[in-house]
């Protein structure tokens, strides 16, 4: 596990990178300031060729500014940006081997789908039958074969999104930038397009860099995620690593629901919670005040879930079909539990019921106590 530091580290292998990978995009200590506001704060990243990479974080964290600097729409205040081994800092967008898909799609309403997609090809000097051939090939790839004569207004939102994607891919850029391209779609279509985008990226093998504030969207599509907060990278790695072993309270809270219980490191394998309960966990060298974390779906109502146990009283329940959510008051703090509804005949404990919560040490992670947890 690796966390981006706000100090300038020695240049070397980027966290989450496999040795000897070909790097398509490299940010070397990049900072971007707007007057007295630091939007991106000394960020270094290496994005391997052929990866689906996500910049994830809340509004104002610097993810969109980072994407715009890679695309050439903004210039860094400090630091350098490379495409492969080639420095591109200072170059305008049209002189960089990248294309961008925006949330608004930016299609030409008066042109056919074929001409929308062919626009970039013609600007690059492609002519004749090659234009039509390449457009029809890319339409087949994005599932719009036979729609080349329609106008954008004759297509659904999801189809327009595919046209924008096809227009960006037809020029075969080194890197494709995706600026929250699914934000204008409804929930069902957005989930469908997440899987389709991932499949298309796998087929074309082009590096995708995707900006989103939706953690589920990032985890569905990306093979690597950089979680950003206040202009810097909190943690970088594959989705399962970020979810199972978050490096900070911020990452734990942003990537889904986490129960963070305040305590103090007692030994290399344990945290003493505020109520005196000893929770077994890998402390990883941390000392002093910490938070012992566990995801709601890792907790069992009853004593069969593992060695870590807490008594509690159910405060609220919510049946949501696939699972039942429980809010449990314990001496160590409020704990959320997700229990799958596997047995339809099983009695669900009602509010006021006394229960024992249990979970395994392997399901427990330990982070430094965040500012939002300060007592």
Foldseek 3Di string as FASTA:
>chain_A
DDFDDLDQDDDDDDPADDPPFQFFKWWQQFWADDVPATQAGGETDTHGFLFAEEEAEDPSLNRVVVLCCQQQVDATPDTFMDGGNHTCGPPHNVPALEEEQEQVLPFDQVQFLLCRLLVVVVVVPDDDPVSVVLLQVLCVLLVNHPRRGHGPVVDDLLVSLSSSVSSRPSVPGQEYEYEPNLVVDDDVSSVVVLVSVLVSSNVSSHYYYYYDHDLVSCLSRGQKYFYGGSNYTGDIHGPVCLAQAPAAPVSVPSNAHKDWFKFFDDDQFWTQGPVRFIAGAHAPPDGTIKTKIFHQAQKDFAAPAEDGKFKWFWADWDDDPQWIWTWTQTPRGIDIHTGGPPDVPDDDDHGGDITMMDHYRSRIYMYHDDPVRDD
